[in-house]
Amino acid sequence: MDWIVYALGPIDHDWDKLKTVRETVADIANYEDEFTEAHDLNTDSVRSFLESWDSAKDSAKRSGWEGDFRHAPYVFWLPSETGFDHGFVFKQDNNGTTFVVSPQELPTLAKLIG
């Protein structure tokens, strides 16, 4: 996937409004609706999500992320033509830089850094 990476100054509040990557994986794995039994694990969906997470981390590294976390990485969702796309946000421990890794351009963030 092609990711757009934004490196911002430290963001120190409201992280608890988002679900972590771990919580999101659990939600995807245990997803059920009127057509799915609770015991049916969505392994393909989990695998796809984790592959996108790995790809997002690789993109962030190419944009200066040092590979450490101040706290758990989080997931955000954006509407798209096919439903919703997910992105990731995490804070680097070393200097507090906040990385937003998005599948779509985020003009408001681009203005902040640019």
Protein backbone atom coordinates (compact mmCIF):
# COMPACT_ATOMS: atom_id res chain seq x y z
CA MET A 1 0.00 0.00 0.00
CA ASP A 2 1.13 3.55 -0.65
CA TRP A 3 1.24 5.42 2.62
CA ILE A 4 1.48 9.13 3.26
CA VAL A 5 3.58 9.81 6.35
CA TYR A 6 3.27 12.97 8.41
CA ALA A 7 5.86 13.68 11.09
CA LEU A 8 4.48 16.16 13.63
CA GLY A 9 5.61 17.64 16.88
CA PRO A 10 4.61 15.81 20.04
CA ILE A 11 0.90 15.20 20.56
CA ASP A 12 0.39 14.54 24.25
CA HIS A 13 -3.36 14.20 24.73
CA ASP A 14 -6.49 12.27 23.71
CA TRP A 15 -4.74 9.06 22.68
CA ASP A 16 -7.38 7.15 24.61
CA LYS A 17 -10.02 8.20 22.05
CA LEU A 18 -8.53 5.69 19.58
CA LYS A 19 -8.14 1.93 19.69
CA THR A 20 -4.67 0.45 19.75
CA VAL A 21 -3.36 -1.81 17.00
CA ARG A 22 -3.70 -4.74 19.43
CA GLU A 23 -7.33 -3.86 20.25
CA THR A 24 -8.13 -3.48 16.56
CA VAL A 25 -6.63 -6.88 15.74
CA ALA A 26 -8.77 -8.43 18.47
CA ASP A 27 -11.86 -6.68 17.11
CA ILE A 28 -11.15 -7.88 13.58
CA ALA A 29 -10.44 -11.43 14.75
CA ASN A 30 -13.64 -11.60 16.75
CA TYR A 31 -15.86 -9.70 14.36
CA GLU A 32 -19.32 -11.08 14.04
CA ASP A 33 -22.47 -9.88 12.40
CA GLU A 34 -25.79 -11.42 11.55
CA PHE A 35 -24.09 -13.72 9.02
CA THR A 36 -21.06 -14.76 11.08
CA GLU A 37 -20.81 -17.06 14.06
CA ALA A 38 -18.70 -15.81 16.98
CA HIS A 39 -16.31 -18.73 16.62
CA ASP A 40 -15.49 -17.89 12.99
CA LEU A 41 -12.18 -16.07 13.16
CA ASN A 42 -11.40 -13.69 10.34
CA THR A 43 -7.82 -14.85 9.85
CA ASP A 44 -7.52 -13.41 6.33
CA SER A 45 -8.71 -10.02 7.59
CA VAL A 46 -6.30 -10.13 10.52
CA ARG A 47 -3.43 -11.13 8.23
CA SER A 48 -4.26 -8.30 5.81
CA PHE A 49 -4.46 -5.76 8.64
CA LEU A 50 -1.13 -6.86 10.12
CA GLU A 51 0.52 -6.72 6.69
CA SER A 52 -0.71 -3.14 6.32
CA TRP A 53 0.67 -2.34 9.79
CA ASP A 54 4.08 -3.73 8.78
CA SER A 55 3.97 -1.74 5.55
CA ALA A 56 3.03 1.44 7.45
CA LYS A 57 5.96 0.97 9.84
CA ASP A 58 8.32 0.51 6.88
CA SER A 59 7.04 3.76 5.34
CA ALA A 60 7.44 5.58 8.66
CA LYS A 61 11.04 4.34 8.96
CA ARG A 62 11.80 5.75 5.51
CA SER A 63 10.40 9.06 6.79
CA GLY A 64 12.57 9.25 9.90
CA TRP A 65 10.85 7.08 12.50
CA GLU A 66 13.51 5.43 14.67
CA GLY A 67 11.44 2.34 15.43
CA ASP A 68 10.47 3.07 19.04
CA PHE A 69 7.13 3.86 20.66
CA ARG A 70 6.30 6.16 23.57
CA HIS A 71 3.08 4.15 24.02
CA ALA A 72 1.01 1.68 22.03
CA PRO A 73 0.36 2.56 18.38
CA TYR A 74 -3.20 3.52 17.49
CA VAL A 75 -5.55 3.06 14.54
CA PHE A 76 -7.80 5.65 12.92
CA TRP A 77 -10.41 5.25 10.20
CA LEU A 78 -11.26 7.38 7.17
CA PRO A 79 -14.23 7.09 4.82
CA SER A 80 -13.35 5.98 1.31
CA GLU A 81 -15.14 5.06 -1.89
CA THR A 82 -15.14 1.39 -0.88
CA GLY A 83 -16.04 1.81 2.81
CA PHE A 84 -13.37 2.78 5.30
CA ASP A 85 -9.59 2.87 5.15
CA HIS A 86 -7.40 2.59 8.23
CA GLY A 87 -4.28 4.46 9.14
CA PHE A 88 -1.94 4.51 12.09
CA VAL A 89 -0.66 7.07 14.55
CA PHE A 90 2.12 6.65 17.06
CA LYS A 91 4.52 8.70 19.07
CA GLN A 92 8.24 8.09 18.92
CA ASP A 93 9.81 7.68 22.34
CA ASN A 94 13.16 9.27 21.60
CA ASN A 95 12.03 12.81 20.83
CA GLY A 96 8.24 12.67 20.97
CA THR A 97 7.68 13.06 17.23
CA THR A 98 4.18 11.91 16.35
CA PHE A 99 3.86 9.94 13.12
CA VAL A 100 0.57 9.76 11.26
CA VAL A 101 0.64 7.14 8.52
CA SER A 102 -2.37 7.48 6.27
CA PRO A 103 -3.68 5.83 3.11
CA GLN A 104 -5.13 9.21 2.09
CA GLU A 105 -3.82 12.74 2.01
CA LEU A 106 -4.71 14.72 5.11
CA PRO A 107 -4.56 18.39 4.05
CA THR A 108 -4.99 19.73 7.57
CA LEU A 109 -1.90 17.85 8.75
CA ALA A 110 0.02 18.90 5.67
CA LYS A 111 -0.67 22.54 6.59
CA LEU A 112 0.63 21.97 10.12
CA ILE A 113 4.00 20.73 8.92
CA GLY A 114 4.26 22.72 5.91
